[in-house]
Amino acid sequence: MKLDTTEDILNEVKDIAGFEGRDLRQWLYKEILLNALKAKRDDLDILDLKLINRAVDEFRYAAKVFKPYRNLRKVSVFGSARVPQDDPHYDLAVQFGRKMTEQGFMTITGAASGIMQAGIDGAGAENSFGVSILLPFETSNSVMQDDPKLVNFRFFFTRKLFFVMEADACALFPGGFGTLDEGFEVLTLLQTGKTQPMPLVLMELPGDNYWETWDKFVRDQVLARGYISPEDLSLYKIAHSAEEATAWITSYYSTYHSLRQVQDKLVIRLEKDLSEDHLARLNNSFSDLVTVGEIVKTAALPQEKDEPELQSKPRISFRNNKQSAGRLNEMILAINQMGNGN
């Protein structure tokens, strides 16, 4: 609905504030309004109000940009803005963006120079999103300038939220503090189950040791000290070519499609049905994830009716103890192997 005048807006606010029904969308509109009024009640500082307003506005606009493309899988590409175009890693990112587009993925980058521009060059601007951060020493890539799929963020936290929330895969190329921060952010969200499972590839050239050195540190220090669990190592994979990375990402969705928590059940939607033998093997290998009962086949649950495009997909479900996202990721990898005949 387009609201043209202040009176139109106030009437809409009045309607929302008086809503008493069971429609979830209308209830959420009301909650958003109430939270705005609570900020007034709490007499927050002007700086707090500015931050809240800007963050909500950034989120609203970015969600509007991404909404028409939610049915398409996307890969977020991270890497240094300082990589020149004659660097072999630049060409690697171009190849990766191109091959992911050939597999039906769109690409999300920071819309700056270096690896970000390379990802756009490979995927094509028509298949790319730019989630730019406003910095004094970086500007939006001219490839995405004036593109309706370019979103300019003022805050890193809202930008990183969309990098992960809208992605079905992430690829990290060599980079500086920002790249490492984004990589650890993705790993933290995957490890804690705060985002949907997805493949994370660490891209480097054959013979390079950027991520090999990082992986050695993770294993020799972080894992050895017990700060992470062995299954957490399944959350990422080092790839040395665009072909290897693309194959890994597409294989992740070869049998597994997505998951959804429905009350006390974790529902895993599949691209292809599993056999009874596969189901028995899952119950044998991953019983530690189940609180009560076992892993079973199921039809779409009534609560999933808001995703009609997924209704016909086969499913398995179980009561998940939510203790290890790394183990759940290992289960997804096992499902994909089973679906591929293993």
C-alpha atoms as a PDB file:
ATOM      1  CA  MET A   1       0.000   0.000   0.000  1.00  0.00           C
ATOM      2  CA  LYS A   2       1.368   3.424  -0.951  1.00  0.00           C
ATOM      3  CA  LEU A   3       0.868   6.073   1.740  1.00  0.00           C
ATOM      4  CA  ASP A   4       0.943   9.559   0.208  1.00  0.00           C
ATOM      5  CA  THR A   5       0.077  11.886   3.061  1.00  0.00           C
ATOM      6  CA  THR A   6       0.722  12.212   6.773  1.00  0.00           C
ATOM      7  CA  GLU A   7      -2.980  11.569   7.345  1.00  0.00           C
ATOM      8  CA  ASP A   8      -2.777   8.316   5.369  1.00  0.00           C
ATOM      9  CA  ILE A   9       0.173   7.187   7.472  1.00  0.00           C
ATOM     10  CA  LEU A  10      -1.510   8.093  10.765  1.00  0.00           C
ATOM     11  CA  ASN A  11      -4.650   6.203   9.764  1.00  0.00           C
ATOM     12  CA  GLU A  12      -2.532   3.166   8.909  1.00  0.00           C
ATOM     13  CA  VAL A  13      -0.762   3.415  12.276  1.00  0.00           C
ATOM     14  CA  LYS A  14      -4.130   3.612  14.016  1.00  0.00           C
ATOM     15  CA  ASP A  15      -5.359   0.479  12.226  1.00  0.00           C
ATOM     16  CA  ILE A  16      -2.224  -1.461  13.089  1.00  0.00           C
ATOM     17  CA  ALA A  17      -2.189  -0.336  16.723  1.00  0.00           C
ATOM     18  CA  GLY A  18      -5.780  -1.483  17.166  1.00  0.00           C
ATOM     19  CA  PHE A  19      -5.242  -4.908  15.636  1.00  0.00           C
ATOM     20  CA  GLU A  20      -6.425  -7.772  17.876  1.00  0.00           C
ATOM     21  CA  GLY A  21      -6.585 -10.738  15.464  1.00  0.00           C
ATOM     22  CA  ARG A  22      -4.371 -13.763  14.847  1.00  0.00           C
ATOM     23  CA  ASP A  23      -2.708 -12.714  11.603  1.00  0.00           C
ATOM     24  CA  LEU A  24       1.051 -12.985  12.239  1.00  0.00           C
ATOM     25  CA  ARG A  25       2.004 -10.279   9.757  1.00  0.00           C
ATOM     26  CA  GLN A  26      -0.343  -7.720  11.332  1.00  0.00           C
ATOM     27  CA  TRP A  27       0.821  -8.735  14.811  1.00  0.00           C
ATOM     28  CA  LEU A  28       4.442  -8.120  13.826  1.00  0.00           C
ATOM     29  CA  TYR A  29       3.598  -4.704  12.382  1.00  0.00           C
ATOM     30  CA  LYS A  30       2.049  -3.863  15.749  1.00  0.00           C
ATOM     31  CA  GLU A  31       5.090  -5.121  17.663  1.00  0.00           C
ATOM     32  CA  ILE A  32       7.414  -2.976  15.543  1.00  0.00           C
ATOM     33  CA  LEU A  33       5.309   0.091  16.313  1.00  0.00           C
ATOM     34  CA  LEU A  34       5.204  -0.757  20.020  1.00  0.00           C
ATOM     35  CA  ASN A  35       8.983  -1.120  20.151  1.00  0.00           C
ATOM     36  CA  ALA A  36       9.320   2.341  18.622  1.00  0.00           C
ATOM     37  CA  LEU A  37       7.044   3.743  21.334  1.00  0.00           C
ATOM     38  CA  LYS A  38       8.987   1.883  24.024  1.00  0.00           C
ATOM     39  CA  ALA A  39      12.114   3.726  22.861  1.00  0.00           C
ATOM     40  CA  LYS A  40      10.276   6.951  23.676  1.00  0.00           C
ATOM     41  CA  ARG A  41       9.063   5.586  27.010  1.00  0.00           C
ATOM     42  CA  ASP A  42      12.610   4.563  27.940  1.00  0.00           C
ATOM     43  CA  ASP A  43      13.845   8.085  27.155  1.00  0.00           C
ATOM     44  CA  LEU A  44      16.796   6.770  25.165  1.00  0.00           C
ATOM     45  CA  ASP A  45      19.644   9.049  24.194  1.00  0.00           C
ATOM     46  CA  ILE A  46      19.590  10.710  20.788  1.00  0.00           C
ATOM     47  CA  LEU A  47      22.548   8.584  19.653  1.00  0.00           C
ATOM     48  CA  ASP A  48      20.646   5.414  20.589  1.00  0.00           C
ATOM     49  CA  LEU A  49      17.604   6.583  18.659  1.00  0.00           C
ATOM     50  CA  LYS A  50      19.692   7.421  15.603  1.00  0.00           C
ATOM     51  CA  LEU A  51      21.285   3.967  15.647  1.00  0.00           C
ATOM     52  CA  ILE A  52      17.942   2.185  16.058  1.00  0.00           C
ATOM     53  CA  ASN A  53      16.350   4.211  13.281  1.00  0.00           C
ATOM     54  CA  ARG A  54      19.245   3.726  10.875  1.00  0.00           C
ATOM     55  CA  ALA A  55      19.557  -0.017  11.579  1.00  0.00           C
ATOM     56  CA  VAL A  56      15.831  -0.622  11.060  1.00  0.00           C
ATOM     57  CA  ASP A  57      15.830   1.474   7.893  1.00  0.00           C
ATOM     58  CA  GLU A  58      18.875  -0.367   6.507  1.00  0.00           C
ATOM     59  CA  PHE A  59      17.328  -3.749   7.273  1.00  0.00           C
ATOM     60  CA  ARG A  60      13.968  -2.774   5.767  1.00  0.00           C
ATOM     61  CA  TYR A  61      15.474  -1.503   2.531  1.00  0.00           C
ATOM     62  CA  ALA A  62      17.884  -4.433   2.107  1.00  0.00           C
ATOM     63  CA  ALA A  63      15.096  -6.949   2.712  1.00  0.00           C
ATOM     64  CA  LYS A  64      13.028  -5.171   0.058  1.00  0.00           C
ATOM     65  CA  VAL A  65      15.904  -5.503  -2.445  1.00  0.00           C
ATOM     66  CA  PHE A  66      16.484  -9.201  -1.767  1.00  0.00           C
ATOM     67  CA  LYS A  67      12.849 -10.279  -1.471  1.00  0.00           C
ATOM     68  CA  PRO A  68      12.152 -10.844  -5.220  1.00  0.00           C
ATOM     69  CA  TYR A  69      15.169 -13.164  -5.432  1.00  0.00           C
ATOM     70  CA  ARG A  70      14.573 -15.316  -2.343  1.00  0.00           C
ATOM     71  CA  ASN A  71      13.763 -18.359  -4.502  1.00  0.00           C
ATOM     72  CA  LEU A  72      17.261 -18.313  -6.050  1.00  0.00           C
ATOM     73  CA  ARG A  73      20.316 -19.703  -4.311  1.00  0.00           C
ATOM     74  CA  LYS A  74      23.140 -17.262  -3.648  1.00  0.00           C
ATOM     75  CA  VAL A  75      26.809 -17.387  -2.679  1.00  0.00           C
ATOM     76  CA  SER A  76      28.502 -14.666  -0.643  1.00  0.00           C
ATOM     77  CA  VAL A  77      32.065 -13.915  -1.724  1.00  0.00           C
ATOM     78  CA  PHE A  78      34.566 -12.371   0.702  1.00  0.00           C
ATOM     79  CA  GLY A  79      38.147 -11.308   0.031  1.00  0.00           C
ATOM     80  CA  SER A  80      40.601  -8.432  -0.016  1.00  0.00           C
ATOM     81  CA  ALA A  81      39.723  -5.191  -1.773  1.00  0.00           C
ATOM     82  CA  ARG A  82      43.469  -4.704  -2.399  1.00  0.00           C
ATOM     83  CA  VAL A  83      43.935  -7.610  -4.834  1.00  0.00           C
ATOM     84  CA  PRO A  84      44.901  -6.135  -8.245  1.00  0.00           C
ATOM     85  CA  GLN A  85      43.363  -7.382 -11.472  1.00  0.00           C
ATOM     86  CA  ASP A  86      46.603  -9.069 -12.571  1.00  0.00           C
ATOM     87  CA  ASP A  87      46.746 -11.163  -9.361  1.00  0.00           C
ATOM     88  CA  PRO A  88      46.012 -14.893  -9.931  1.00  0.00           C
ATOM     89  CA  HIS A  89      43.507 -14.811  -7.066  1.00  0.00           C
ATOM     90  CA  TYR A  90      41.522 -12.180  -8.983  1.00  0.00           C
ATOM     91  CA  ASP A  91      41.232 -14.550 -11.916  1.00  0.00           C
ATOM     92  CA  LEU A  92      40.296 -17.372  -9.530  1.00  0.00           C
ATOM     93  CA  ALA A  93      37.430 -15.259  -8.158  1.00  0.00           C
ATOM     94  CA  VAL A  94      36.280 -14.412 -11.705  1.00  0.00           C
ATOM     95  CA  GLN A  95      36.228 -18.105 -12.612  1.00  0.00           C
ATOM     96  CA  PHE A  96      34.394 -18.963  -9.411  1.00  0.00           C
ATOM     97  CA  GLY A  97      31.701 -16.323  -9.948  1.00  0.00           C
ATOM     98  CA  ARG A  98      31.194 -17.505 -13.519  1.00  0.00           C
ATOM     99  CA  LYS A  99      30.916 -21.178 -12.606  1.00  0.00           C
ATOM    100  CA  MET A 100      28.508 -20.507  -9.744  1.00  0.00           C
ATOM    101  CA  THR A 101      26.289 -18.530 -12.114  1.00  0.00           C
ATOM    102  CA  GLU A 102      26.323 -21.498 -14.491  1.00  0.00           C
ATOM    103  CA  GLN A 103      24.987 -23.569 -11.587  1.00  0.00           C
ATOM    104  CA  GLY A 104      22.097 -21.144 -11.035  1.00  0.00           C
ATOM    105  CA  PHE A 105      23.575 -19.202  -8.097  1.00  0.00           C
ATOM    106  CA  MET A 106      23.592 -15.438  -7.761  1.00  0.00           C
ATOM    107  CA  THR A 107      26.613 -13.753  -6.164  1.00  0.00           C
ATOM    108  CA  ILE A 108      26.736 -11.369  -3.200  1.00  0.00           C
ATOM    109  CA  THR A 109      29.865  -9.238  -2.730  1.00  0.00           C
ATOM    110  CA  GLY A 110      30.852  -6.083  -0.911  1.00  0.00           C
ATOM    111  CA  ALA A 111      30.699  -4.195  -4.240  1.00  0.00           C
ATOM    112  CA  ALA A 112      34.182  -2.728  -3.851  1.00  0.00           C
ATOM    113  CA  SER A 113      37.436  -3.432  -5.697  1.00  0.00           C
ATOM    114  CA  GLY A 114      39.686  -6.492  -5.597  1.00  0.00           C
ATOM    115  CA  ILE A 115      38.095  -9.876  -4.984  1.00  0.00           C
ATOM    116  CA  MET A 116      34.670  -8.247  -4.718  1.00  0.00           C
ATOM    117  CA  GLN A 117      34.901  -6.774  -8.206  1.00  0.00           C
ATOM    118  CA  ALA A 118      36.283 -10.080  -9.498  1.00  0.00           C
ATOM    119  CA  GLY A 119      33.240 -11.940  -8.198  1.00  0.00           C
ATOM    120  CA  ILE A 120      30.966  -9.487 -10.003  1.00  0.00           C
ATOM    121  CA  ASP A 121      33.055  -9.699 -13.187  1.00  0.00           C
ATOM    122  CA  GLY A 122      32.625 -13.469 -13.194  1.00  0.00           C
ATOM    123  CA  ALA A 123      28.962 -13.617 -12.279  1.00  0.00           C
ATOM    124  CA  GLY A 124      27.892 -10.546 -14.248  1.00  0.00           C
ATOM    125  CA  ALA A 125      26.204  -7.541 -12.669  1.00  0.00           C
ATOM    126  CA  GLU A 126      22.788  -8.936 -13.616  1.00  0.00           C
ATOM    127  CA  ASN A 127      23.480 -11.956 -11.394  1.00  0.00           C
ATOM    128  CA  SER A 128      25.084 -10.018  -8.535  1.00  0.00           C
ATOM    129  CA  PHE A 129      24.148  -8.150  -5.387  1.00  0.00           C
ATOM    130  CA  GLY A 130      26.322  -5.481  -3.854  1.00  0.00           C
ATOM    131  CA  VAL A 131      26.225  -4.976  -0.089  1.00  0.00           C
ATOM    132  CA  SER A 132      28.510  -1.998   0.260  1.00  0.00           C
ATOM    133  CA  ILE A 133      29.839  -0.454   3.464  1.00  0.00           C
ATOM    134  CA  LEU A 134      30.268   3.319   3.531  1.00  0.00           C
ATOM    135  CA  LEU A 135      33.952   3.922   4.315  1.00  0.00           C
ATOM    136  CA  PRO A 136      36.075   7.037   3.779  1.00  0.00           C
ATOM    137  CA  PHE A 137      38.647   5.135   1.677  1.00  0.00           C
ATOM    138  CA  GLU A 138      36.395   2.817  -0.369  1.00  0.00           C
ATOM    139  CA  THR A 139      33.588   3.513  -2.822  1.00  0.00           C
ATOM    140  CA  SER A 140      31.026   1.253  -4.452  1.00  0.00           C
ATOM    141  CA  ASN A 141      32.280  -0.640  -7.482  1.00  0.00           C
ATOM    142  CA  SER A 142      31.371   1.114 -10.733  1.00  0.00           C
ATOM    143  CA  VAL A 143      30.121  -2.252 -12.046  1.00  0.00           C
ATOM    144  CA  MET A 144      27.252  -2.084  -9.534  1.00  0.00           C
ATOM    145  CA  GLN A 145      26.806   1.691  -9.377  1.00  0.00           C
ATOM    146  CA  ASP A 146      23.159   2.642  -9.952  1.00  0.00           C
ATOM    147  CA  ASP A 147      22.210  -1.055 -10.003  1.00  0.00           C
ATOM    148  CA  PRO A 148      18.963  -1.605  -8.033  1.00  0.00           C
ATOM    149  CA  LYS A 149      20.622  -4.641  -6.410  1.00  0.00           C
ATOM    150  CA  LEU A 150      23.235  -2.450  -4.700  1.00  0.00           C
ATOM    151  CA  VAL A 151      22.591  -1.718  -1.013  1.00  0.00           C
ATOM    152  CA  ASN A 152      24.745   0.798   0.854  1.00  0.00           C
ATOM    153  CA  PHE A 153      25.143   0.100   4.571  1.00  0.00           C
ATOM    154  CA  ARG A 154      26.438   2.370   7.288  1.00  0.00           C
ATOM    155  CA  PHE A 155      26.777  -0.381   9.897  1.00  0.00           C
ATOM    156  CA  PHE A 156      28.899  -3.495   9.599  1.00  0.00           C
ATOM    157  CA  PHE A 157      26.485  -5.560  11.698  1.00  0.00           C
ATOM    158  CA  THR A 158      23.489  -5.044   9.398  1.00  0.00           C
ATOM    159  CA  ARG A 159      25.688  -5.625   6.345  1.00  0.00           C
ATOM    160  CA  LYS A 160      27.100  -8.875   7.730  1.00  0.00           C
ATOM    161  CA  LEU A 161      23.606 -10.018   8.641  1.00  0.00           C
ATOM    162  CA  PHE A 162      22.538  -9.869   4.978  1.00  0.00           C
ATOM    163  CA  PHE A 163      25.775 -11.424   3.779  1.00  0.00           C
ATOM    164  CA  VAL A 164      24.846 -14.539   5.776  1.00  0.00           C
ATOM    165  CA  MET A 165      21.052 -14.407   5.970  1.00  0.00           C
ATOM    166  CA  GLU A 166      20.621 -14.286   2.190  1.00  0.00           C
ATOM    167  CA  ALA A 167      23.377 -16.776   1.362  1.00  0.00           C
ATOM    168  CA  ASP A 168      23.214 -20.502   0.650  1.00  0.00           C
ATOM    169  CA  ALA A 169      27.010 -20.748   0.513  1.00  0.00           C
ATOM    170  CA  CYS A 170      30.040 -18.623   1.341  1.00  0.00           C
ATOM    171  CA  ALA A 171      33.449 -18.415  -0.324  1.00  0.00           C
ATOM    172  CA  LEU A 172      36.429 -16.768   1.345  1.00  0.00           C
ATOM    173  CA  PHE A 173      39.432 -15.671  -0.687  1.00  0.00           C
ATOM    174  CA  PRO A 174      42.657 -14.399   0.926  1.00  0.00           C
ATOM    175  CA  GLY A 175      42.158 -11.066   2.625  1.00  0.00           C
ATOM    176  CA  GLY A 176      42.828  -8.890   5.628  1.00  0.00           C
ATOM    177  CA  PHE A 177      41.122  -8.244   8.943  1.00  0.00           C
ATOM    178  CA  GLY A 178      37.716  -7.746   7.330  1.00  0.00           C
ATOM    179  CA  THR A 179      37.837 -11.034   5.443  1.00  0.00           C
ATOM    180  CA  LEU A 180      38.968 -12.946   8.533  1.00  0.00           C
ATOM    181  CA  ASP A 181      36.284 -11.238  10.609  1.00  0.00           C
ATOM    182  CA  GLU A 182      33.617 -12.211   8.092  1.00  0.00           C
ATOM    183  CA  GLY A 183      34.934 -15.763   7.938  1.00  0.00           C
ATOM    184  CA  PHE A 184      34.900 -16.223  11.700  1.00  0.00           C
ATOM    185  CA  GLU A 185      31.454 -14.608  11.854  1.00  0.00           C
ATOM    186  CA  VAL A 186      30.089 -17.203   9.409  1.00  0.00           C
ATOM    187  CA  LEU A 187      31.807 -20.042  11.270  1.00  0.00           C
ATOM    188  CA  THR A 188      30.461 -18.818  14.615  1.00  0.00           C
ATOM    189  CA  LEU A 189      26.909 -18.621  13.277  1.00  0.00           C
ATOM    190  CA  LEU A 190      27.212 -22.090  11.719  1.00  0.00           C
ATOM    191  CA  GLN A 191      28.781 -23.604  14.842  1.00  0.00           C
ATOM    192  CA  THR A 192      26.103 -22.195  17.145  1.00  0.00           C
ATOM    193  CA  GLY A 193      23.212 -23.026  14.830  1.00  0.00           C
ATOM    194  CA  LYS A 194      22.257 -19.375  14.491  1.00  0.00           C
ATOM    195  CA  THR A 195      22.104 -19.685  10.710  1.00  0.00           C
ATOM    196  CA  GLN A 196      21.000 -22.392   8.325  1.00  0.00           C
ATOM    197  CA  PRO A 197      23.665 -24.996   7.496  1.00  0.00           C
ATOM    198  CA  MET A 198      25.576 -24.090   4.348  1.00  0.00           C
ATOM    199  CA  PRO A 199      28.890 -24.900   2.672  1.00  0.00           C
ATOM    200  CA  LEU A 200      31.828 -22.604   3.413  1.00  0.00           C
ATOM    201  CA  VAL A 201      34.798 -22.843   1.045  1.00  0.00           C
ATOM    202  CA  LEU A 202      38.197 -21.261   1.638  1.00  0.00           C
ATOM    203  CA  MET A 203      39.703 -20.425  -1.756  1.00  0.00           C
ATOM    204  CA  GLU A 204      43.410 -20.436  -2.514  1.00  0.00           C
ATOM    205  CA  LEU A 205      45.613 -21.242  -5.477  1.00  0.00           C
ATOM    206  CA  PRO A 206      47.424 -24.585  -5.789  1.00  0.00           C
ATOM    207  CA  GLY A 207      50.669 -24.349  -3.827  1.00  0.00           C
ATOM    208  CA  ASP A 208      49.481 -21.347  -1.827  1.00  0.00           C
ATOM    209  CA  ASN A 209      49.296 -21.655   1.957  1.00  0.00           C
ATOM    210  CA  TYR A 210      47.067 -18.776   3.075  1.00  0.00           C
ATOM    211  CA  TRP A 211      44.222 -20.973   4.282  1.00  0.00           C
ATOM    212  CA  GLU A 212      46.484 -23.988   4.867  1.00  0.00           C
ATOM    213  CA  THR A 213      48.342 -21.910   7.467  1.00  0.00           C
ATOM    214  CA  TRP A 214      45.063 -20.713   8.962  1.00  0.00           C
ATOM    215  CA  ASP A 215      43.767 -24.304   9.087  1.00  0.00           C
ATOM    216  CA  LYS A 216      46.966 -25.436  10.852  1.00  0.00           C
ATOM    217  CA  PHE A 217      46.447 -22.751  13.495  1.00  0.00           C
ATOM    218  CA  VAL A 218      42.832 -23.834  13.987  1.00  0.00           C
ATOM    219  CA  ARG A 219      43.842 -27.470  14.380  1.00  0.00           C
ATOM    220  CA  ASP A 220      47.044 -26.993  16.395  1.00  0.00           C
ATOM    221  CA  GLN A 221      45.757 -24.300  18.715  1.00  0.00           C
ATOM    222  CA  VAL A 222      41.971 -23.897  18.730  1.00  0.00           C
ATOM    223  CA  LEU A 223      41.053 -27.586  18.397  1.00  0.00           C
ATOM    224  CA  ALA A 224      44.011 -28.915  20.415  1.00  0.00           C
ATOM    225  CA  ARG A 225      43.047 -26.705  23.369  1.00  0.00           C
ATOM    226  CA  GLY A 226      39.463 -27.950  23.235  1.00  0.00           C
ATOM    227  CA  TYR A 227      38.011 -24.586  22.229  1.00  0.00           C
ATOM    228  CA  ILE A 228      36.140 -26.242  19.359  1.00  0.00           C
ATOM    229  CA  SER A 229      35.061 -29.835  18.704  1.00  0.00           C
ATOM    230  CA  PRO A 230      36.444 -32.143  15.982  1.00  0.00           C
ATOM    231  CA  GLU A 231      33.116 -32.096  14.120  1.00  0.00           C
ATOM    232  CA  ASP A 232      33.372 -28.302  13.792  1.00  0.00           C
ATOM    233  CA  LEU A 233      36.116 -28.852  11.223  1.00  0.00           C
ATOM    234  CA  SER A 234      33.404 -30.136   8.865  1.00  0.00           C
ATOM    235  CA  LEU A 235      31.990 -26.614   8.671  1.00  0.00           C
ATOM    236  CA  TYR A 236      34.590 -25.496   6.134  1.00  0.00           C
ATOM    237  CA  LYS A 237      36.612 -26.873   3.234  1.00  0.00           C
ATOM    238  CA  ILE A 238      39.736 -25.573   1.515  1.00  0.00           C
ATOM    239  CA  ALA A 239      39.436 -25.524  -2.287  1.00  0.00           C
ATOM    240  CA  HIS A 240      42.234 -24.897  -4.784  1.00  0.00           C
ATOM    241  CA  SER A 241      40.236 -24.259  -7.942  1.00  0.00           C
ATOM    242  CA  ALA A 242      36.922 -22.781  -9.038  1.00  0.00           C
ATOM    243  CA  GLU A 243      35.879 -26.227 -10.255  1.00  0.00           C
ATOM    244  CA  GLU A 244      36.589 -27.850  -6.882  1.00  0.00           C
ATOM    245  CA  ALA A 245      34.747 -25.146  -4.954  1.00  0.00           C
ATOM    246  CA  THR A 246      31.732 -25.205  -7.269  1.00  0.00           C
ATOM    247  CA  ALA A 247      31.539 -28.989  -7.099  1.00  0.00           C
ATOM    248  CA  TRP A 248      31.619 -28.898  -3.299  1.00  0.00           C
ATOM    249  CA  ILE A 249      28.884 -26.278  -3.026  1.00  0.00           C
ATOM    250  CA  THR A 250      26.569 -27.969  -5.526  1.00  0.00           C
ATOM    251  CA  SER A 251      27.141 -31.365  -3.910  1.00  0.00           C
ATOM    252  CA  TYR A 252      25.979 -29.888  -0.589  1.00  0.00           C
ATOM    253  CA  TYR A 253      22.536 -29.429  -2.138  1.00  0.00           C
ATOM    254  CA  SER A 254      22.524 -32.605  -4.227  1.00  0.00           C
ATOM    255  CA  THR A 255      20.266 -34.456  -1.746  1.00  0.00           C
ATOM    256  CA  TYR A 256      19.884 -32.046   1.163  1.00  0.00           C
ATOM    257  CA  HIS A 257      17.665 -29.063   0.403  1.00  0.00           C
ATOM    258  CA  SER A 258      16.947 -27.166   3.617  1.00  0.00           C
ATOM    259  CA  LEU A 259      15.775 -27.583   7.186  1.00  0.00           C
ATOM    260  CA  ARG A 260      13.196 -26.047   9.467  1.00  0.00           C
ATOM    261  CA  GLN A 261      12.454 -26.332  13.157  1.00  0.00           C
ATOM    262  CA  VAL A 262       8.758 -27.090  13.699  1.00  0.00           C
ATOM    263  CA  GLN A 263       7.991 -27.002  17.427  1.00  0.00           C
ATOM    264  CA  ASP A 264      10.116 -29.808  18.887  1.00  0.00           C
ATOM    265  CA  LYS A 265      10.906 -31.454  15.537  1.00  0.00           C
ATOM    266  CA  LEU A 266      13.729 -30.705  13.149  1.00  0.00           C
ATOM    267  CA  VAL A 267      12.474 -31.251   9.592  1.00  0.00           C
ATOM    268  CA  ILE A 268      15.068 -31.851   6.867  1.00  0.00           C
ATOM    269  CA  ARG A 269      13.731 -31.355   3.331  1.00  0.00           C
ATOM    270  CA  LEU A 270      15.400 -33.428   0.611  1.00  0.00           C
ATOM    271  CA  GLU A 271      15.873 -33.307  -3.142  1.00  0.00           C
ATOM    272  CA  LYS A 272      15.475 -37.075  -3.386  1.00  0.00           C
ATOM    273  CA  ASP A 273      14.065 -39.791  -1.174  1.00  0.00           C
ATOM    274  CA  LEU A 274      16.287 -41.943   1.019  1.00  0.00           C
ATOM    275  CA  SER A 275      15.940 -45.713   1.261  1.00  0.00           C
ATOM    276  CA  GLU A 276      15.046 -47.577   4.430  1.00  0.00           C
ATOM    277  CA  ASP A 277      18.653 -48.767   4.597  1.00  0.00           C
ATOM    278  CA  HIS A 278      19.850 -45.166   4.460  1.00  0.00           C
ATOM    279  CA  LEU A 279      17.441 -44.274   7.248  1.00  0.00           C
ATOM    280  CA  ALA A 280      18.728 -47.131   9.394  1.00  0.00           C
ATOM    281  CA  ARG A 281      22.305 -45.984   8.815  1.00  0.00           C
ATOM    282  CA  LEU A 282      21.414 -42.425   9.841  1.00  0.00           C
ATOM    283  CA  ASN A 283      19.787 -43.680  13.027  1.00  0.00           C
ATOM    284  CA  ASN A 284      22.831 -45.776  13.798  1.00  0.00           C
ATOM    285  CA  SER A 285      25.408 -43.050  13.085  1.00  0.00           C
ATOM    286  CA  PHE A 286      23.617 -39.985  14.429  1.00  0.00           C
ATOM    287  CA  SER A 287      21.599 -41.247  17.393  1.00  0.00           C
ATOM    288  CA  ASP A 288      23.519 -38.741  19.540  1.00  0.00           C
ATOM    289  CA  LEU A 289      21.513 -35.932  17.880  1.00  0.00           C
ATOM    290  CA  VAL A 290      18.138 -37.452  18.810  1.00  0.00           C
ATOM    291  CA  THR A 291      16.502 -36.790  22.181  1.00  0.00           C
ATOM    292  CA  VAL A 292      13.464 -39.088  21.936  1.00  0.00           C
ATOM    293  CA  GLY A 293      12.420 -41.599  19.277  1.00  0.00           C
ATOM    294  CA  GLU A 294      14.367 -41.855  16.036  1.00  0.00           C
ATOM    295  CA  ILE A 295      14.889 -40.282  12.624  1.00  0.00           C
ATOM    296  CA  VAL A 296      11.804 -41.001  10.500  1.00  0.00           C
ATOM    297  CA  LYS A 297      10.379 -40.149   7.099  1.00  0.00           C
ATOM    298  CA  THR A 298       7.542 -37.646   7.145  1.00  0.00           C
ATOM    299  CA  ALA A 299       5.244 -35.676   4.882  1.00  0.00           C
ATOM    300  CA  ALA A 300       5.105 -31.884   4.964  1.00  0.00           C
ATOM    301  CA  LEU A 301       3.840 -30.735   8.351  1.00  0.00           C
ATOM    302  CA  PRO A 302       0.855 -28.360   8.621  1.00  0.00           C
ATOM    303  CA  GLN A 303       3.150 -25.607   9.899  1.00  0.00           C
ATOM    304  CA  GLU A 304       5.045 -25.699   6.589  1.00  0.00           C
ATOM    305  CA  LYS A 305       2.076 -24.647   4.477  1.00  0.00           C
ATOM    306  CA  ASP A 306       3.581 -21.151   4.153  1.00  0.00           C
ATOM    307  CA  GLU A 307       6.211 -22.713   1.857  1.00  0.00           C
ATOM    308  CA  PRO A 308       3.994 -24.270  -0.826  1.00  0.00           C
ATOM    309  CA  GLU A 309       6.876 -24.719  -3.263  1.00  0.00           C
ATOM    310  CA  LEU A 310       8.441 -27.243  -0.860  1.00  0.00           C
ATOM    311  CA  GLN A 311       5.338 -29.289  -0.072  1.00  0.00           C
ATOM    312  CA  SER A 312       6.151 -32.156  -2.428  1.00  0.00           C
ATOM    313  CA  LYS A 313       9.745 -32.666  -1.312  1.00  0.00           C
ATOM    314  CA  PRO A 314      10.539 -35.814   0.702  1.00  0.00           C
ATOM    315  CA  ARG A 315      11.455 -35.261   4.316  1.00  0.00           C
ATOM    316  CA  ILE A 316      12.946 -36.781   7.411  1.00  0.00           C
ATOM    317  CA  SER A 317      12.428 -35.461  10.895  1.00  0.00           C
ATOM    318  CA  PHE A 318      13.527 -36.072  14.463  1.00  0.00           C
ATOM    319  CA  ARG A 319      13.632 -34.417  17.855  1.00  0.00           C
ATOM    320  CA  ASN A 320      17.018 -32.727  17.786  1.00  0.00           C
ATOM    321  CA  ASN A 321      18.914 -32.069  21.003  1.00  0.00           C
ATOM    322  CA  LYS A 322      20.498 -28.953  19.428  1.00  0.00           C
ATOM    323  CA  GLN A 323      23.813 -29.770  21.073  1.00  0.00           C
ATOM    324  CA  SER A 324      26.098 -29.767  18.022  1.00  0.00           C
ATOM    325  CA  ALA A 325      25.621 -27.960  14.731  1.00  0.00           C
ATOM    326  CA  GLY A 326      28.879 -29.539  13.626  1.00  0.00           C
ATOM    327  CA  ARG A 327      27.419 -33.032  14.050  1.00  0.00           C
ATOM    328  CA  LEU A 328      24.281 -31.932  12.219  1.00  0.00           C
ATOM    329  CA  ASN A 329      26.483 -30.731   9.371  1.00  0.00           C
ATOM    330  CA  GLU A 330      28.206 -34.127   9.325  1.00  0.00           C
ATOM    331  CA  MET A 331      24.753 -35.676   9.041  1.00  0.00           C
ATOM    332  CA  ILE A 332      23.945 -33.478   6.048  1.00  0.00           C
ATOM    333  CA  LEU A 333      27.192 -34.522   4.381  1.00  0.00           C
ATOM    334  CA  ALA A 334      26.293 -38.181   5.028  1.00  0.00           C
ATOM    335  CA  ILE A 335      22.816 -37.636   3.529  1.00  0.00           C
ATOM    336  CA  ASN A 336      24.388 -36.224   0.379  1.00  0.00           C
ATOM    337  CA  GLN A 337      26.715 -39.211   0.087  1.00  0.00           C
ATOM    338  CA  MET A 338      23.758 -41.558   0.477  1.00  0.00           C
ATOM    339  CA  GLY A 339      21.788 -39.701  -2.164  1.00  0.00           C
ATOM    340  CA  ASN A 340      24.726 -40.036  -4.538  1.00  0.00           C
ATOM    341  CA  GLY A 341      24.700 -43.813  -4.183  1.00  0.00           C
ATOM    342  CA  ASN A 342      27.141 -44.265  -1.304  1.00  0.00           C
END
